[in-house]
């Protein structure tokens, strides 16, 4: 049986949708299970969800005692449901918080297939969805517990439903009320996930289609009336509840403190030049950069075809908005990727010229080389000898995905190149996020802090010492998620107070001088237990953390021999242990 026949068999009916959803699941699963919680957004989202479960307050969104008035509540509800079904909030496992993102990626890939079938063959639709599922950006967002993968799923579903209605207007198929229902249901859920982004994509596409076709009668039939009712029914109750709970402060913070700054400048230092997303596309679309030139040429030469026209009206305005927007993050363009993969898959139906093949080979090779060099640099700076095997394997897989795909594209069938490059890309992604990245220990200080507390008997959950832990000089969200909501993130004064109360404290080197002076002045005995060196990758700072034991209660002191009390030791350098990270 030929390759084309096998693809046609897989693409038929529900199997095509199921196949690409399965690919998306395979792509995201290694990172979902293996990667520690990430700073900063993922851990902030997860911690806010954990507090909902702890307090049974599913309206307000808080990080410790501070309101987190940035995004709507949708992703938190999905995460809370996942944790309630598969885990316990006390366990502080990150993987159940990530499951909604994995489902969002699966939905995006499946919807990509469903929408593409309105204009192209089932085989082309299958290839579009499979490439989207295995692309580097979507498969990475699939294991991060925040909004972007689920937003991509809702947006792709909404645009696929709109595409089918556009195709019906062109006489290519027929649609019914279910398609309209899916459109507005996806829009409502997308708004509840990340506010107006999905509406922006939808309205820009409709405006572009109206301007290009010079008629919009078909748009009257997409169900605006009951679509608005559905949006209000799904989003309205929480909007009213959060307005009451915060006296309207949520909207002021979400719009004035989060959305507006992104429109006028590089919010939180996330700026970039015009063309930022285009320059990153060989990496965000990896390993399918080999089809970027062919997709762009097809978009121009076949712009009169209904499917190509719809894809361009979806892709171009949204992409331009994100290029113009002063604030830039690499995942912002994800809601438009479904359209780009439609064009890529459609280009496989054409005979690619030698120039297009060469250009695609160069783009794919560039992505592979950059990823391989990056892996080598990470290994040299942060890896240990046992990590070398995984670094070599991961780098080789990334290099093979780009180079083998490029060679096959230039010398053989483009479809074969896509399938082989995709399989190697999936393996490379799994090796990096499933094995190599979790082994680079300096990147994961929160995880190592928890292990050090448990190893030294300072972890409050063990029951041998009171909590919460006080931390001075290191205040990332992953640490709060790992240690619990009541974790202290104060300064040296708070660390001294914690030790006086019998609680453990962790002090970063930059705070040590003031901390030791306050300890001396307070007369509290100093009992350093161990040290840990790590990297705060969120700001690039090297950290040197010292762990201190709290002053035992008087009853405990009475039971101990005099020579063993902390007071008898006085201030001294941290005692090394078998697992001490100090040199």
Foldseek 3Di string as FASTA:
>chain_A
DDPVVVLQVCLPDCSLLVVLLVLLLLLQVLLLQAPAADPAVLLQLLQQLLVCVVPVDQQFGDQQPHGPLAFFRLLSVQLNVQCVVPHDLVVLRSNSLLQLLSVLLSLLLSLLLLLLVLFDPSSLSSQLSNLSSLFPQSSHSSNRNAQQSNLLNLLSNLLSLVSNLLSVVVVSDDDDPVSLVSNLVSVLSSCNRGNCLSVVLVVQLLVLCCVVVVDRPSVVPSCPPVSVVVSCVRPVVSVVVNCVVVVNVSVCCNVVVHVVVQQPAAPPVQFDAQCVQVVCCLQRSPQQLLQQLLLVVCLPVVCVRSLSVSLCSSQVVQSNVQSNGGHHDNSSSSSSSSSSSSSSSVSLVDDDDLVSLQVSLVSNQVNLVVVLVVLVVLCVPQNDPVLVVLSVVLSVLSNCLNNVLSVCSNPHRNVVSSVVSSVSSSVSSSSVSNPRVSRSPLACVLVVVVVVCVVQVQQVVVVPFHDDEAEAPDDHSSNCSSNHSPYHHDHLVVCLVCLQVFHKYKYWPVRVVVNVVVCVVVVFFWAWAAWDWHAHVVVGDTTIMIITTHQDDPVVVVVDDPCPHSNVVGDDPHDDDPPGPDD
